[in-house]
Protein backbone atom coordinates (compact mmCIF):
# COMPACT_ATOMS: atom_id res chain seq x y z
CA MET A 1 33.88 -30.40 -12.41
CA PRO A 2 31.02 -27.98 -12.28
CA SER A 3 31.26 -25.65 -9.24
CA SER A 4 28.34 -24.92 -7.01
CA PRO A 5 26.21 -21.75 -7.89
CA THR A 6 27.01 -18.67 -6.33
CA PRO A 7 24.52 -17.29 -3.85
CA VAL A 8 21.24 -15.93 -5.12
CA THR A 9 21.54 -12.01 -5.04
CA VAL A 10 18.95 -9.32 -5.03
CA GLU A 11 19.68 -6.50 -7.52
CA SER A 12 19.65 -3.04 -6.24
CA CYS A 13 16.38 -1.35 -7.15
CA ALA A 14 15.85 2.38 -6.92
CA PRO A 15 12.35 3.63 -6.37
CA SER A 16 10.77 4.66 -9.66
CA PRO A 17 8.05 7.33 -9.97
CA VAL A 18 4.47 6.04 -10.49
CA GLY A 19 2.18 8.28 -12.72
CA LEU A 20 -1.48 8.70 -12.29
CA SER A 21 -2.27 6.38 -15.12
CA GLY A 22 -1.76 3.21 -12.96
CA VAL A 23 -3.73 4.72 -10.08
CA TRP A 24 -6.70 5.69 -12.32
CA THR A 25 -6.67 2.25 -14.12
CA ALA A 26 -6.62 0.50 -10.85
CA PHE A 27 -9.49 2.76 -9.76
CA GLY A 28 -11.59 2.12 -12.85
CA ARG A 29 -11.11 -1.81 -12.53
CA ALA A 30 -11.99 -1.73 -8.84
CA ALA A 31 -15.18 0.18 -9.51
CA VAL A 32 -16.16 -2.50 -12.07
CA SER A 33 -15.24 -5.25 -9.41
CA GLN A 34 -17.21 -3.73 -6.65
CA CYS A 35 -20.32 -4.09 -8.64
CA HIS A 36 -19.91 -7.94 -8.87
CA PRO A 37 -22.45 -9.62 -6.70
CA ARG A 38 -19.78 -11.42 -4.68
CA MET A 39 -18.00 -8.06 -4.07
CA LEU A 40 -21.21 -6.59 -2.95
CA PHE A 41 -21.98 -9.43 -0.59
CA ALA A 42 -18.45 -8.98 0.86
CA LEU A 43 -19.39 -5.49 2.02
CA LEU A 44 -21.36 -7.16 4.91
CA LEU A 45 -18.58 -8.31 6.98
CA PRO A 46 -16.38 -5.10 7.42
CA PHE A 47 -19.66 -2.89 7.84
CA LEU A 48 -20.83 -5.12 10.69
CA ILE A 49 -17.59 -5.15 12.35
CA ILE A 50 -17.45 -1.42 12.37
CA PHE A 51 -21.15 -1.09 13.43
CA PHE A 52 -21.06 -3.50 16.38
CA GLY A 53 -17.43 -2.45 17.25
CA GLY A 54 -18.64 1.20 17.40
CA ILE A 55 -21.52 0.07 19.63
CA VAL A 56 -19.21 -1.92 21.95
CA LEU A 57 -16.63 0.82 22.23
CA LEU A 58 -19.39 3.55 23.09
CA TRP A 59 -20.95 1.12 25.56
CA LEU A 60 -17.69 0.40 27.34
CA PHE A 61 -15.76 3.69 27.06
CA TRP A 62 -18.20 6.45 26.42
CA THR A 63 -19.13 7.24 29.89
CA PRO A 64 -15.58 7.03 31.56
CA LEU A 65 -14.03 8.76 28.48
CA THR A 66 -16.53 11.78 28.67
CA GLY A 67 -16.09 11.83 32.52
CA TRP A 68 -12.23 12.12 32.05
CA LEU A 69 -12.56 14.64 29.40
CA THR A 70 -14.81 16.93 31.39
CA VAL A 71 -12.40 16.93 34.21
CA GLN A 72 -9.55 17.70 31.73
CA ALA A 73 -11.49 20.33 30.13
CA GLU A 74 -11.80 22.19 33.54
CA ASP A 75 -7.99 22.67 33.47
CA TRP A 76 -7.98 24.00 29.96
CA GLY A 77 -7.65 27.81 30.45
CA VAL A 78 -8.86 28.66 26.93
CA VAL A 79 -11.99 26.41 27.06
CA ARG A 80 -12.77 27.74 30.55
CA THR A 81 -12.47 31.43 29.43
CA VAL A 82 -14.68 30.82 26.19
CA ASP A 83 -17.12 28.83 28.29
CA GLN A 84 -17.51 31.71 30.95
CA TRP A 85 -17.81 34.17 28.18
CA LEU A 86 -20.60 32.33 26.27
CA LEU A 87 -22.61 31.85 29.62
CA ALA A 88 -22.20 35.51 30.42
CA ILE A 89 -23.86 36.47 27.24
CA GLY A 90 -26.64 33.93 27.66
CA LEU A 91 -25.41 31.42 25.14
CA PHE A 92 -24.62 27.65 25.55
CA SER A 93 -21.77 26.12 27.52
CA ILE A 94 -18.94 24.98 25.08
CA LYS A 95 -18.45 22.12 27.28
CA LEU A 96 -21.82 20.76 26.49
CA TRP A 97 -20.75 19.84 22.91
CA LEU A 98 -16.85 19.94 22.97
CA VAL A 99 -16.65 16.91 25.27
CA PRO A 100 -19.05 14.56 23.23
CA VAL A 101 -17.34 15.65 20.03
CA LEU A 102 -13.87 14.71 21.47
CA ALA A 103 -15.00 11.55 22.65
CA GLY A 104 -16.53 10.67 19.16
CA VAL A 105 -13.25 11.90 17.54
CA ILE A 106 -11.32 9.45 19.79
CA LEU A 107 -13.60 6.42 19.63
CA LEU A 108 -15.20 6.40 15.96
CA PRO A 109 -11.74 6.15 14.13
CA ILE A 110 -10.73 3.07 16.43
CA ALA A 111 -14.01 1.38 15.28
CA GLY A 112 -12.99 2.39 11.76
CA ILE A 113 -9.33 1.06 11.81
CA PHE A 114 -10.82 -2.21 12.97
CA GLY A 115 -12.94 -2.41 9.93
CA VAL A 116 -9.96 -1.73 7.64
CA ALA A 117 -7.90 -4.32 9.44
CA VAL A 118 -10.75 -6.81 9.15
CA ALA A 119 -10.89 -6.04 5.27
CA ALA A 120 -7.14 -6.50 5.15
CA VAL A 121 -7.02 -9.76 6.86
CA PHE A 122 -10.29 -11.51 6.14
CA VAL A 123 -11.74 -9.75 3.18
CA MET A 124 -8.72 -9.44 1.09
CA PRO A 125 -8.23 -13.11 0.53
CA MET A 126 -11.79 -13.10 -0.92
CA VAL A 127 -10.99 -10.07 -3.06
CA LEU A 128 -7.80 -11.55 -4.19
CA LYS A 129 -9.46 -14.92 -5.08
CA HIS A 130 -12.00 -12.85 -7.10
CA VAL A 131 -9.74 -10.43 -8.97
CA ALA A 132 -6.83 -12.77 -9.50
CA GLY A 133 -9.01 -15.41 -11.06
CA ARG A 134 -10.78 -13.09 -13.47
CA ASP A 135 -8.19 -10.54 -14.29
CA TYR A 136 -4.69 -12.11 -13.45
CA PRO A 137 -5.29 -16.01 -13.95
CA THR A 138 -1.74 -16.50 -15.05
CA LEU A 139 -0.14 -14.89 -12.11
CA ALA A 140 1.51 -17.68 -9.94
CA ARG A 141 0.96 -17.52 -6.19
CA LEU A 142 4.41 -17.54 -4.76
CA GLY A 143 3.89 -15.92 -1.36
CA ARG A 144 4.88 -17.59 1.86
CA HIS A 145 3.24 -17.30 5.27
CA ALA A 146 0.63 -14.87 4.06
CA THR A 147 -1.86 -15.07 6.94
CA ALA A 148 0.95 -14.52 9.34
CA VAL A 149 2.40 -11.52 7.59
CA SER A 150 -1.00 -9.95 7.03
CA VAL A 151 -1.99 -10.27 10.82
CA TRP A 152 1.37 -8.88 11.90
CA ASN A 153 1.06 -5.99 9.41
CA ALA A 154 -2.50 -5.39 10.72
CA VAL A 155 -1.52 -5.19 14.33
CA TRP A 156 1.54 -2.89 13.61
CA VAL A 157 -0.49 -0.51 11.51
CA MET A 158 -3.29 -0.42 13.99
CA THR A 159 -0.95 0.41 16.90
CA VAL A 160 0.80 3.15 15.14
CA PHE A 161 -2.56 4.66 13.94
CA ALA A 162 -4.01 4.59 17.43
CA LEU A 163 -0.96 6.11 19.12
CA GLY A 164 -0.36 8.60 16.40
CA TRP A 165 -4.14 9.69 16.37
CA LEU A 166 -4.16 10.08 20.08
CA PHE A 167 -0.74 11.83 20.43
CA THR A 168 -1.62 14.46 17.76
CA LEU A 169 -5.24 15.06 18.91
CA PRO A 170 -4.40 18.20 20.78
CA LEU A 171 -3.40 19.78 17.41
CA TRP A 172 -7.05 19.28 16.19
CA LEU A 173 -7.71 22.54 18.15
CA LEU A 174 -6.18 24.23 15.05
CA PRO A 175 -8.78 23.52 12.46
CA PRO A 176 -6.44 23.44 9.33
CA LEU A 177 -4.12 21.03 11.19
CA GLY A 178 -7.21 18.75 12.23
CA ALA A 179 -8.21 18.24 8.71
CA ALA A 180 -4.69 17.67 7.43
CA LEU A 181 -3.82 15.17 10.26
CA SER A 182 -7.17 13.10 9.62
CA VAL A 183 -6.12 12.81 5.89
CA PHE A 184 -2.53 11.86 6.99
CA TRP A 185 -3.33 9.12 9.41
CA TRP A 186 -6.04 7.60 7.08
CA THR A 187 -3.65 7.77 4.24
CA PHE A 188 -1.07 5.98 6.36
CA ALA A 189 -3.54 3.33 7.53
CA PHE A 190 -4.78 2.42 4.05
CA SER A 191 -1.42 2.56 2.22
CA ARG A 192 0.50 0.69 4.87
CA MET A 193 -2.28 -1.94 5.45
CA MET A 194 -3.31 -2.77 2.09
CA ARG A 195 -0.13 -2.56 0.04
CA VAL A 196 1.28 -5.74 1.91
CA ASP A 197 -2.14 -7.56 1.78
CA ALA A 198 -2.61 -6.93 -1.77
CA ILE A 199 0.48 -8.99 -3.00
CA VAL A 200 1.33 -11.06 0.03
CA GLU A 201 -0.24 -14.21 -1.50
CA HIS A 202 1.36 -13.82 -4.83
CA ALA A 203 4.72 -12.16 -4.32
CA THR A 204 7.78 -13.68 -2.82
CA PRO A 205 9.37 -11.78 0.12
CA ASP A 206 12.02 -10.36 -2.07
CA GLU A 207 9.40 -9.43 -4.75
CA ARG A 208 7.18 -7.78 -2.04
CA ARG A 209 10.03 -5.48 -0.61
CA VAL A 210 11.06 -4.49 -4.23
CA LEU A 211 7.50 -3.73 -5.40
CA ILE A 212 6.81 -1.85 -2.35
CA ALA A 213 9.92 0.32 -2.68
CA ARG A 214 9.54 0.78 -6.42
CA HIS A 215 5.82 1.72 -6.26
CA ASN A 216 5.83 3.32 -2.85
CA GLY A 217 4.56 6.70 -4.51
CA GLY A 218 1.56 4.79 -6.03
CA PHE A 219 0.38 3.08 -3.01
CA TRP A 220 0.53 6.29 -1.08
CA MET A 221 -1.64 7.97 -3.75
CA LEU A 222 -4.00 5.30 -3.53
CA GLY A 223 -4.11 5.66 0.37
CA LEU A 224 -4.74 9.47 -0.04
CA LEU A 225 -7.57 8.74 -2.41
CA CYS A 226 -9.14 6.29 -0.09
CA SER A 227 -8.60 8.95 2.85
CA VAL A 228 -10.31 11.61 1.03
CA LEU A 229 -13.21 9.35 0.14
CA ASN A 230 -13.29 8.48 3.87
CA LEU A 231 -14.25 12.13 4.46
CA LEU A 232 -17.58 11.43 3.06
CA PRO A 233 -19.79 9.23 5.52
CA PRO A 234 -21.59 7.41 2.85
CA ALA A 235 -18.39 6.08 1.62
CA TRP A 236 -17.80 4.26 4.85
CA ILE A 237 -20.03 1.44 3.73
CA VAL A 238 -18.17 0.41 0.84
CA LEU A 239 -14.49 1.69 1.58
CA PRO A 240 -13.19 -1.19 3.25
CA VAL A 241 -13.89 -3.63 0.53
CA PHE A 242 -13.40 -1.13 -2.29
CA SER A 243 -9.99 -0.18 -0.86
CA ALA A 244 -8.97 -3.90 -1.00
CA LEU A 245 -10.14 -4.18 -4.66
CA LEU A 246 -8.15 -0.75 -5.45
CA PHE A 247 -4.90 -2.13 -4.03
CA ALA A 248 -5.43 -5.53 -5.27
CA HIS A 249 -5.70 -4.43 -8.90
CA TYR A 250 -2.80 -2.05 -8.46
CA GLY A 251 -0.41 -4.34 -6.60
CA LEU A 252 -1.15 -7.45 -8.87
CA ALA A 253 -0.75 -5.39 -12.11
CA ALA A 254 2.53 -4.14 -10.81
CA LEU A 255 3.63 -7.57 -10.05
CA GLN A 256 2.39 -9.07 -13.36
CA LYS A 257 4.27 -6.49 -15.34
CA ALA A 258 7.47 -6.93 -13.33
CA ARG A 259 7.38 -10.62 -13.91
CA LEU A 260 6.68 -10.32 -17.61
CA SER A 261 9.48 -7.82 -18.02
CA GLN A 262 12.13 -10.24 -16.73
CA PRO A 263 12.96 -13.83 -17.73
CA ALA A 264 13.56 -14.81 -14.07
CA PRO A 265 11.68 -14.09 -11.15
CA LEU A 266 11.48 -10.46 -10.14
CA VAL A 267 14.90 -9.25 -8.86
CA LEU A 268 16.31 -12.60 -8.21
CA VAL A 269 19.29 -13.67 -10.38
CA ALA A 270 21.01 -16.93 -9.95
CA VAL A 271 24.58 -16.85 -11.48
CA SER A 272 26.14 -20.25 -12.16
CA SER A 273 29.53 -20.80 -13.61
CA THR A 274 30.99 -24.07 -15.04
CA ARG A 275 34.68 -25.03 -14.42
CA VAL A 276 36.41 -27.76 -16.64
C-alpha cells in the first residue's frame, strides 16, 4: 500500500551575495516604468498624503512642540552658553532658529514615513498590477493575506522608524552622526517596508522568507539608494512611487528566477515514498 507522503520540508538556504547588476537593472526598469502615464498619475496619492499630512502635523503639534523645545533648550548648558555669547557680541539668538529647525526635523520625517507607508499599502498593488502585467506576465500569484501582511508590516516599520528617529535625535548635535543617522533610518524604512510589499502578492510565505534572506543585501542596497535620493528635496515628489517600482522589479525578478531554477515551488520539496 502506498504510504502517506512525508511532511513538506523547507530546505536550508544561506543568504547569497547580491551584486550591483540586479540593483542597477531594477533601477533602469523602474525609471522606464515611472514614465508610463499610469505611474505618473499614481504619484498624486502619496504626494497629497505627505502634503496634507504635513499641514495637519504642523497645525496640531507645531506650537506645543516648539514651546516644549524652548523650555528644554533653557536647560541645555551648551545652547545657553552659545546663545549668551552670540547675544553679547551683537549677533542673533541661537534659539530663534534652533527650536524651529528641531521641530521640523521631528515632524517632517513623520509625514514622510506616512507617505512611504501609503505607497507600500495602497500604491504598491497598482504598481504590481502594472509591472507584473507588462514584465512578468507568467509569474503566478501565490501569496496569501497580502493586505493584512502589508498593513502589519507598515505599522511595524513606522513604529520602529519613529521611535528610532526620536531616540537618536540628540546625536544630531554631532553633524557627521546626524547625516549618517538620517541615511540609516531612511534606508531601514525603505528596505523593510518595500521588500515585503514587492513580493507579498506573488510569493508564498515560505518563498517570501527565503527570498528576503537570500537577497537581503540587495534590498538594503535599494533602500540605501532611495535614502540617498531622499536627501534631494525634488525627489520627494516621485520617490514613494519610484521606490515601489524599484523594489517591485527587483523582487519579482528574483522570484521569477528562483522559480525557473527549480522544477518545484521555491524551497518546498515534497518527498513521497511507495511501499509495496
